[in-house]
Amino acid sequence: MITELLTRFGAACPGGDFLGFPKWYKYLNGTPDPNTHLCTPQLSGLSDLWLILAAIIEDLLRLVALFAVALVIWGGIQFISSQGDPGATTKARQTILNAIIGLVIAILAATVVAFIAGRFK
């Protein structure tokens, strides 16, 4: 039933995210196959390349966000192992602060890309 509705109205292919990363055809209209549960994206013109690019940019921004989380953890390890040394503590705090700023920027940028690409599909 859902497959028929998606096929009839040309909706985007459902699901299929890998570890939270969308597939490259996330914003494209597609035809789901009821037997294999795979989706065949349909390219309708040159403008669809921008939608593919938006999905790739969103993937990259999510990778940047994961890297920022890893930097927060690394800064925490530096902070714990500084043993009260003021220089090392300051460096660790600066690492954590910069990583949190980068994380916020990456999340906001991924949200903006998803919003804009969702409007054009």
Protein backbone atom coordinates (compact mmCIF):
# COMPACT_ATOMS: atom_id res chain seq x y z
CA MET A 1 0.00 0.00 0.00
CA ILE A 2 2.70 2.49 0.99
CA THR A 3 4.79 1.46 -2.03
CA GLU A 4 1.85 2.18 -4.32
CA LEU A 5 1.34 5.63 -2.80
CA LEU A 6 5.03 6.46 -3.10
CA THR A 7 5.07 5.34 -6.71
CA ARG A 8 1.89 7.21 -7.59
CA PHE A 9 2.92 10.52 -6.08
CA GLY A 10 6.64 10.30 -6.93
CA ALA A 11 7.77 10.66 -3.35
CA ALA A 12 11.33 10.26 -2.21
CA CYS A 13 12.58 6.80 -1.39
CA PRO A 14 11.90 5.89 2.23
CA GLY A 15 14.48 4.90 4.83
CA GLY A 16 17.79 3.39 3.99
CA ASP A 17 19.96 5.66 6.11
CA PHE A 18 23.26 4.09 7.15
CA LEU A 19 24.32 5.14 10.66
CA GLY A 20 22.25 8.29 10.32
CA PHE A 21 23.89 9.31 7.05
CA PRO A 22 21.40 9.83 4.23
CA LYS A 23 21.95 8.16 0.89
CA TRP A 24 23.01 10.26 -2.07
CA TYR A 25 19.52 10.10 -3.55
CA LYS A 26 17.71 11.22 -0.39
CA TYR A 27 16.09 14.26 -2.01
CA LEU A 28 15.32 12.66 -5.39
CA ASN A 29 11.98 11.21 -6.38
CA GLY A 30 12.14 7.47 -6.80
CA THR A 31 10.30 4.28 -7.50
CA PRO A 32 10.49 1.69 -4.72
CA ASP A 33 10.49 -1.97 -5.75
CA PRO A 34 8.01 -3.93 -3.59
CA ASN A 35 9.91 -7.20 -4.05
CA THR A 36 13.42 -6.12 -3.10
CA HIS A 37 12.59 -3.01 -1.02
CA LEU A 38 15.22 -1.14 -2.99
CA CYS A 39 14.61 2.22 -4.54
CA THR A 40 15.39 3.42 -8.04
CA PRO A 41 15.98 7.18 -8.00
CA GLN A 42 14.64 9.09 -10.96
CA LEU A 43 16.67 11.93 -12.44
CA SER A 44 14.36 14.41 -14.11
CA GLY A 45 16.89 17.00 -15.18
CA LEU A 46 20.09 18.85 -14.54
CA SER A 47 18.57 20.51 -11.47
CA ASP A 48 18.57 17.13 -9.71
CA LEU A 49 22.35 17.31 -9.53
CA TRP A 50 21.96 20.08 -6.94
CA LEU A 51 19.83 17.75 -4.83
CA ILE A 52 22.48 15.05 -5.03
CA LEU A 53 25.12 17.62 -4.08
CA ALA A 54 22.97 18.72 -1.12
CA ALA A 55 22.78 15.12 0.16
CA ILE A 56 26.56 14.75 -0.17
CA ILE A 57 27.13 18.06 1.65
CA GLU A 58 24.78 16.93 4.40
CA ASP A 59 26.82 13.73 4.76
CA LEU A 60 30.04 15.71 5.00
CA LEU A 61 28.57 18.05 7.61
CA ARG A 62 27.49 15.07 9.68
CA LEU A 63 31.04 13.72 9.49
CA VAL A 64 32.32 17.10 10.70
CA ALA A 65 29.88 16.91 13.62
CA LEU A 66 31.18 13.45 14.56
CA PHE A 67 34.74 14.77 14.36
CA ALA A 68 33.76 17.66 16.65
CA VAL A 69 32.34 15.21 19.20
CA ALA A 70 35.62 13.27 19.05
CA LEU A 71 37.50 16.53 19.71
CA VAL A 72 35.32 17.23 22.75
CA ILE A 73 36.22 13.79 24.09
CA TRP A 74 39.90 14.40 23.30
CA GLY A 75 39.75 17.75 25.10
CA GLY A 76 38.22 16.02 28.10
CA ILE A 77 41.03 13.49 28.15
CA GLN A 78 43.55 16.33 27.93
CA PHE A 79 41.79 18.13 30.78
CA ILE A 80 41.84 15.06 33.01
CA SER A 81 45.47 14.29 32.26
CA SER A 82 46.63 17.90 32.76
CA GLN A 83 47.02 17.25 36.51
CA GLY A 84 46.41 20.87 37.42
CA ASP A 85 48.98 22.36 35.02
CA PRO A 86 47.51 25.78 34.12
CA GLY A 87 48.86 25.76 30.56
CA ALA A 88 47.57 22.27 29.77
CA THR A 89 44.23 22.98 31.42
CA THR A 90 43.79 26.16 29.38
CA LYS A 91 44.70 24.30 26.18
CA ALA A 92 42.21 21.52 26.98
CA ARG A 93 39.43 24.02 27.73
CA GLN A 94 40.15 25.84 24.47
CA THR A 95 40.00 22.53 22.57
CA ILE A 96 36.63 21.71 24.13
CA LEU A 97 35.24 25.19 23.46
CA ASN A 98 36.39 25.21 19.82
CA ALA A 99 34.97 21.72 19.28
CA ILE A 100 31.59 22.72 20.72
CA ILE A 101 31.50 25.81 18.50
CA GLY A 102 32.35 23.63 15.50
CA LEU A 103 29.66 21.13 16.47
CA VAL A 104 27.01 23.83 16.70
CA ILE A 105 28.04 25.27 13.33
CA ALA A 106 27.99 21.82 11.69
CA ILE A 107 24.55 20.99 13.11
CA LEU A 108 23.11 24.33 12.01
CA ALA A 109 24.64 24.03 8.54
CA ALA A 110 23.30 20.47 8.10
CA THR A 111 19.86 21.67 9.18
CA VAL A 112 19.94 24.54 6.69
CA VAL A 113 21.05 22.23 3.87
CA ALA A 114 18.30 19.71 4.72
CA PHE A 115 15.69 22.49 4.86
CA ILE A 116 16.71 24.03 1.54
CA ALA A 117 17.03 20.70 -0.27
CA GLY A 118 13.69 19.57 1.16
CA ARG A 119 12.04 22.65 -0.36
CA PHE A 120 13.38 21.89 -3.85
CA LYS A 121 12.46 18.24 -4.13
